[in-house]
C-alpha atoms as a PDB file:
ATOM      1  CA  UNK A   1      69.780  30.666  79.005  1.00  0.00           C
ATOM      2  CA  UNK A   2      70.085  27.311  80.693  1.00  0.00           C
ATOM      3  CA  UNK A   3      67.030  25.592  82.050  1.00  0.00           C
ATOM      4  CA  UNK A   4      66.818  22.365  83.972  1.00  0.00           C
ATOM      5  CA  UNK A   5      66.105  20.452  80.748  1.00  0.00           C
ATOM      6  CA  UNK A   6      69.005  21.929  78.782  1.00  0.00           C
ATOM      7  CA  UNK A   7      71.985  19.656  78.413  1.00  0.00           C
ATOM      8  CA  UNK A   8      75.387  21.332  78.733  1.00  0.00           C
ATOM      9  CA  UNK A   9      77.676  20.233  75.873  1.00  0.00           C
ATOM     10  CA  UNK A  10      80.852  18.470  76.883  1.00  0.00           C
ATOM     11  CA  UNK A  11      83.853  20.723  76.631  1.00  0.00           C
ATOM     12  CA  UNK A  12      86.470  19.254  74.398  1.00  0.00           C
ATOM     13  CA  UNK A  13      88.930  17.952  76.980  1.00  0.00           C
ATOM     14  CA  UNK A  14      88.222  21.101  79.026  1.00  0.00           C
ATOM     15  CA  UNK A  15      90.861  23.104  77.190  1.00  0.00           C
ATOM     16  CA  UNK A  16      90.977  26.761  78.081  1.00  0.00           C
ATOM     17  CA  UNK A  17      91.387  29.800  75.936  1.00  0.00           C
ATOM     18  CA  UNK A  18      93.297  32.775  77.250  1.00  0.00           C
ATOM     19  CA  UNK A  19      91.575  36.040  76.437  1.00  0.00           C
ATOM     20  CA  UNK A  20      92.801  39.248  78.027  1.00  0.00           C
ATOM     21  CA  UNK A  21      94.055  37.450  81.106  1.00  0.00           C
ATOM     22  CA  UNK A  22      90.788  35.627  81.792  1.00  0.00           C
ATOM     23  CA  UNK A  23      90.465  31.892  81.404  1.00  0.00           C
ATOM     24  CA  UNK A  24      87.271  30.993  79.600  1.00  0.00           C
ATOM     25  CA  UNK A  25      86.628  27.354  78.753  1.00  0.00           C
ATOM     26  CA  UNK A  26      85.410  26.442  75.296  1.00  0.00           C
ATOM     27  CA  UNK A  27      81.818  26.163  76.427  1.00  0.00           C
ATOM     28  CA  UNK A  28      81.872  29.757  77.602  1.00  0.00           C
ATOM     29  CA  UNK A  29      81.337  28.946  81.277  1.00  0.00           C
ATOM     30  CA  UNK A  30      83.703  30.016  84.029  1.00  0.00           C
ATOM     31  CA  UNK A  31      85.282  27.168  85.977  1.00  0.00           C
ATOM     32  CA  UNK A  32      84.436  27.142  89.683  1.00  0.00           C
ATOM     33  CA  UNK A  33      87.992  27.815  90.818  1.00  0.00           C
ATOM     34  CA  UNK A  34      88.520  30.806  88.498  1.00  0.00           C
ATOM     35  CA  UNK A  35      89.414  34.092  90.117  1.00  0.00           C
ATOM     36  CA  UNK A  36      87.902  37.041  88.266  1.00  0.00           C
ATOM     37  CA  UNK A  37      90.638  39.341  89.560  1.00  0.00           C
ATOM     38  CA  UNK A  38      94.221  38.135  89.366  1.00  0.00           C
ATOM     39  CA  UNK A  39      95.902  37.307  92.638  1.00  0.00           C
ATOM     40  CA  UNK A  40      98.023  40.203  93.856  1.00  0.00           C
ATOM     41  CA  UNK A  41     101.195  40.162  95.880  1.00  0.00           C
ATOM     42  CA  UNK A  42      99.262  41.808  98.724  1.00  0.00           C
ATOM     43  CA  UNK A  43      96.973  38.779  98.968  1.00  0.00           C
ATOM     44  CA  UNK A  44     100.006  36.555  99.414  1.00  0.00           C
ATOM     45  CA  UNK A  45     101.138  38.637 102.409  1.00  0.00           C
ATOM     46  CA  UNK A  46      99.812  37.149 105.602  1.00  0.00           C
ATOM     47  CA  UNK A  47      98.732  39.294 108.498  1.00  0.00           C
ATOM     48  CA  UNK A  48     100.974  37.518 111.003  1.00  0.00           C
ATOM     49  CA  UNK A  49     104.079  38.350 108.926  1.00  0.00           C
ATOM     50  CA  UNK A  50     103.541  42.012 109.811  1.00  0.00           C
ATOM     51  CA  UNK A  51     101.645  41.751 113.088  1.00  0.00           C
ATOM     52  CA  UNK A  52     104.324  39.969 115.102  1.00  0.00           C
ATOM     53  CA  UNK A  53     107.114  42.451 114.157  1.00  0.00           C
ATOM     54  CA  UNK A  54     104.670  45.360 114.621  1.00  0.00           C
ATOM     55  CA  UNK A  55     103.825  44.102 118.107  1.00  0.00           C
ATOM     56  CA  UNK A  56     107.490  43.583 118.979  1.00  0.00           C
ATOM     57  CA  UNK A  57     108.341  47.131 117.843  1.00  0.00           C
ATOM     58  CA  UNK A  58     105.558  48.484 120.059  1.00  0.00           C
ATOM     59  CA  UNK A  59     106.784  46.445 123.022  1.00  0.00           C
ATOM     60  CA  UNK A  60     110.331  47.718 122.432  1.00  0.00           C
ATOM     61  CA  UNK A  61     109.092  51.309 122.130  1.00  0.00           C
ATOM     62  CA  UNK A  62     107.096  51.038 125.342  1.00  0.00           C
ATOM     63  CA  UNK A  63     110.050  49.599 127.254  1.00  0.00           C
ATOM     64  CA  UNK A  64     112.404  52.210 125.745  1.00  0.00           C
ATOM     65  CA  UNK A  65     110.029  55.041 126.714  1.00  0.00           C
ATOM     66  CA  UNK A  66     109.821  53.704 130.248  1.00  0.00           C
ATOM     67  CA  UNK A  67     113.598  53.473 130.704  1.00  0.00           C
ATOM     68  CA  UNK A  68     114.368  56.786 128.981  1.00  0.00           C
ATOM     69  CA  UNK A  69     111.639  58.997 130.472  1.00  0.00           C
ATOM     70  CA  UNK A  70     110.205  56.835 133.265  1.00  0.00           C
ATOM     71  CA  UNK A  71     106.841  56.850 131.479  1.00  0.00           C
ATOM     72  CA  UNK A  72     104.574  54.144 132.821  1.00  0.00           C
ATOM     73  CA  UNK A  73     102.007  55.178 130.181  1.00  0.00           C
ATOM     74  CA  UNK A  74     104.525  54.226 127.459  1.00  0.00           C
ATOM     75  CA  UNK A  75     105.206  50.932 129.181  1.00  0.00           C
ATOM     76  CA  UNK A  76     101.534  50.093 129.688  1.00  0.00           C
ATOM     77  CA  UNK A  77     100.355  51.334 126.299  1.00  0.00           C
ATOM     78  CA  UNK A  78     103.246  50.156 124.148  1.00  0.00           C
ATOM     79  CA  UNK A  79     103.876  46.857 125.881  1.00  0.00           C
ATOM     80  CA  UNK A  80     100.170  46.165 126.459  1.00  0.00           C
ATOM     81  CA  UNK A  81      99.042  46.748 122.874  1.00  0.00           C
ATOM     82  CA  UNK A  82     102.274  45.169 121.597  1.00  0.00           C
ATOM     83  CA  UNK A  83     101.627  41.996 123.587  1.00  0.00           C
ATOM     84  CA  UNK A  84      98.024  41.854 122.349  1.00  0.00           C
ATOM     85  CA  UNK A  85      99.192  42.246 118.750  1.00  0.00           C
ATOM     86  CA  UNK A  86     101.947  39.650 119.144  1.00  0.00           C
ATOM     87  CA  UNK A  87      99.441  37.219 120.662  1.00  0.00           C
ATOM     88  CA  UNK A  88      96.946  37.865 117.851  1.00  0.00           C
ATOM     89  CA  UNK A  89      99.703  37.355 115.270  1.00  0.00           C
ATOM     90  CA  UNK A  90     100.703  34.077 116.918  1.00  0.00           C
ATOM     91  CA  UNK A  91      97.084  32.864 116.924  1.00  0.00           C
ATOM     92  CA  UNK A  92      96.778  33.792 113.248  1.00  0.00           C
ATOM     93  CA  UNK A  93     100.040  31.961 112.471  1.00  0.00           C
ATOM     94  CA  UNK A  94      98.861  28.787 114.215  1.00  0.00           C
ATOM     95  CA  UNK A  95      95.515  28.947 112.381  1.00  0.00           C
ATOM     96  CA  UNK A  96      97.358  29.369 109.060  1.00  0.00           C
ATOM     97  CA  UNK A  97      99.472  26.297 109.823  1.00  0.00           C
ATOM     98  CA  UNK A  98      96.186  24.379 110.151  1.00  0.00           C
ATOM     99  CA  UNK A  99      95.117  25.838 106.767  1.00  0.00           C
ATOM    100  CA  UNK A 100      92.433  28.012 108.364  1.00  0.00           C
ATOM    101  CA  UNK A 101      91.809  31.700 108.903  1.00  0.00           C
ATOM    102  CA  UNK A 102      91.533  33.226 112.361  1.00  0.00           C
ATOM    103  CA  UNK A 103      89.020  36.025 112.010  1.00  0.00           C
ATOM    104  CA  UNK A 104      88.945  36.846 115.753  1.00  0.00           C
ATOM    105  CA  UNK A 105      92.719  37.434 115.623  1.00  0.00           C
ATOM    106  CA  UNK A 106      92.361  39.561 112.492  1.00  0.00           C
ATOM    107  CA  UNK A 107      89.623  41.628 114.099  1.00  0.00           C
ATOM    108  CA  UNK A 108      91.708  42.085 117.281  1.00  0.00           C
ATOM    109  CA  UNK A 109      94.659  43.223 115.144  1.00  0.00           C
ATOM    110  CA  UNK A 110      92.436  45.704 113.309  1.00  0.00           C
ATOM    111  CA  UNK A 111      90.951  47.107 116.518  1.00  0.00           C
ATOM    112  CA  UNK A 112      94.384  47.510 118.150  1.00  0.00           C
ATOM    113  CA  UNK A 113      95.850  49.240 115.088  1.00  0.00           C
ATOM    114  CA  UNK A 114      92.819  51.522 114.720  1.00  0.00           C
ATOM    115  CA  UNK A 115      92.970  52.381 118.435  1.00  0.00           C
ATOM    116  CA  UNK A 116      96.663  53.233 118.151  1.00  0.00           C
ATOM    117  CA  UNK A 117      95.972  55.312 115.042  1.00  0.00           C
ATOM    118  CA  UNK A 118      93.348  57.301 116.903  1.00  0.00           C
ATOM    119  CA  UNK A 119      95.240  57.778 120.187  1.00  0.00           C
ATOM    120  CA  UNK A 120      98.645  58.528 118.689  1.00  0.00           C
ATOM    121  CA  UNK A 121      97.090  60.633 115.919  1.00  0.00           C
ATOM    122  CA  UNK A 122      95.366  62.783 118.538  1.00  0.00           C
ATOM    123  CA  UNK A 123      98.621  63.033 120.482  1.00  0.00           C
ATOM    124  CA  UNK A 124     100.494  64.085 117.343  1.00  0.00           C
ATOM    125  CA  UNK A 125      97.880  66.751 116.516  1.00  0.00           C
ATOM    126  CA  UNK A 126      98.290  68.225 120.027  1.00  0.00           C
ATOM    127  CA  UNK A 127     102.097  68.059 120.289  1.00  0.00           C
ATOM    128  CA  UNK A 128     103.273  67.934 116.646  1.00  0.00           C
ATOM    129  CA  UNK A 129     106.087  65.636 117.792  1.00  0.00           C
ATOM    130  CA  UNK A 130     107.098  63.185 115.110  1.00  0.00           C
ATOM    131  CA  UNK A 131     108.639  60.780 117.597  1.00  0.00           C
ATOM    132  CA  UNK A 132     106.883  58.704 118.884  1.00  0.00           C
ATOM    133  CA  UNK A 133     103.345  59.918 118.204  1.00  0.00           C
ATOM    134  CA  UNK A 134     103.664  60.701 114.494  1.00  0.00           C
ATOM    135  CA  UNK A 135     105.645  57.574 113.670  1.00  0.00           C
ATOM    136  CA  UNK A 136     103.350  55.230 115.596  1.00  0.00           C
ATOM    137  CA  UNK A 137     100.230  56.909 114.143  1.00  0.00           C
ATOM    138  CA  UNK A 138     101.658  56.613 110.626  1.00  0.00           C
ATOM    139  CA  UNK A 139     102.607  52.958 110.983  1.00  0.00           C
ATOM    140  CA  UNK A 140      99.283  52.203 112.646  1.00  0.00           C
ATOM    141  CA  UNK A 141      97.210  53.803 109.901  1.00  0.00           C
ATOM    142  CA  UNK A 142      99.062  51.697 107.306  1.00  0.00           C
ATOM    143  CA  UNK A 143      98.515  48.547 109.396  1.00  0.00           C
ATOM    144  CA  UNK A 144      94.829  49.382 109.892  1.00  0.00           C
ATOM    145  CA  UNK A 145      94.429  49.710 106.119  1.00  0.00           C
ATOM    146  CA  UNK A 146      96.226  46.398 105.590  1.00  0.00           C
ATOM    147  CA  UNK A 147      94.031  44.607 108.154  1.00  0.00           C
ATOM    148  CA  UNK A 148      90.854  46.061 106.632  1.00  0.00           C
ATOM    149  CA  UNK A 149      92.028  44.869 103.230  1.00  0.00           C
ATOM    150  CA  UNK A 150      92.657  41.372 104.619  1.00  0.00           C
ATOM    151  CA  UNK A 151      89.165  41.316 106.156  1.00  0.00           C
ATOM    152  CA  UNK A 152      87.592  42.530 102.886  1.00  0.00           C
ATOM    153  CA  UNK A 153      89.409  39.875 100.819  1.00  0.00           C
ATOM    154  CA  UNK A 154      88.595  36.998 103.150  1.00  0.00           C
ATOM    155  CA  UNK A 155      91.630  36.789 105.421  1.00  0.00           C
ATOM    156  CA  UNK A 156      94.884  35.029 104.701  1.00  0.00           C
ATOM    157  CA  UNK A 157      95.303  33.329 101.347  1.00  0.00           C
ATOM    158  CA  UNK A 158      95.357  29.597 102.026  1.00  0.00           C
ATOM    159  CA  UNK A 159      97.324  27.841  99.273  1.00  0.00           C
ATOM    160  CA  UNK A 160      95.617  24.964  97.511  1.00  0.00           C
ATOM    161  CA  UNK A 161      96.696  21.465  98.425  1.00  0.00           C
ATOM    162  CA  UNK A 162      99.306  20.054  96.103  1.00  0.00           C
ATOM    163  CA  UNK A 163      99.129  16.458  94.955  1.00  0.00           C
END
């Protein structure tokens, strides 16, 4: 156990040993920038990469529903939520370009997807129509899970600065 008086031995040129996928330096201490869990492909996926297309699909679906059936509810719901999601995705994209996370945008995306999951899930349970209620509820539940995962892992992965 280290105390304030204990001197930490110098690691020989800070070489690392690879043991079962973990990098442990020769002194036995973990470097500060070590990730205990390896980075997954899901962490490299940014929320705006899915949010903007998701929002555009919802806008298109709302407009299509309005022109096909004259449904103002489809127009208001699809286009309204779609515009909110597209805006949140754009805000997240601009924050990522500044090498920052936009948690308000991520939370807005999560709330919109969860709301769509609930509303369209309820509609599907009452009508049992796959299109559009089942499809939108299915996509929305996947997106809600993705957004919750991004929140739990600290938002978008910001790459380290290269020299």
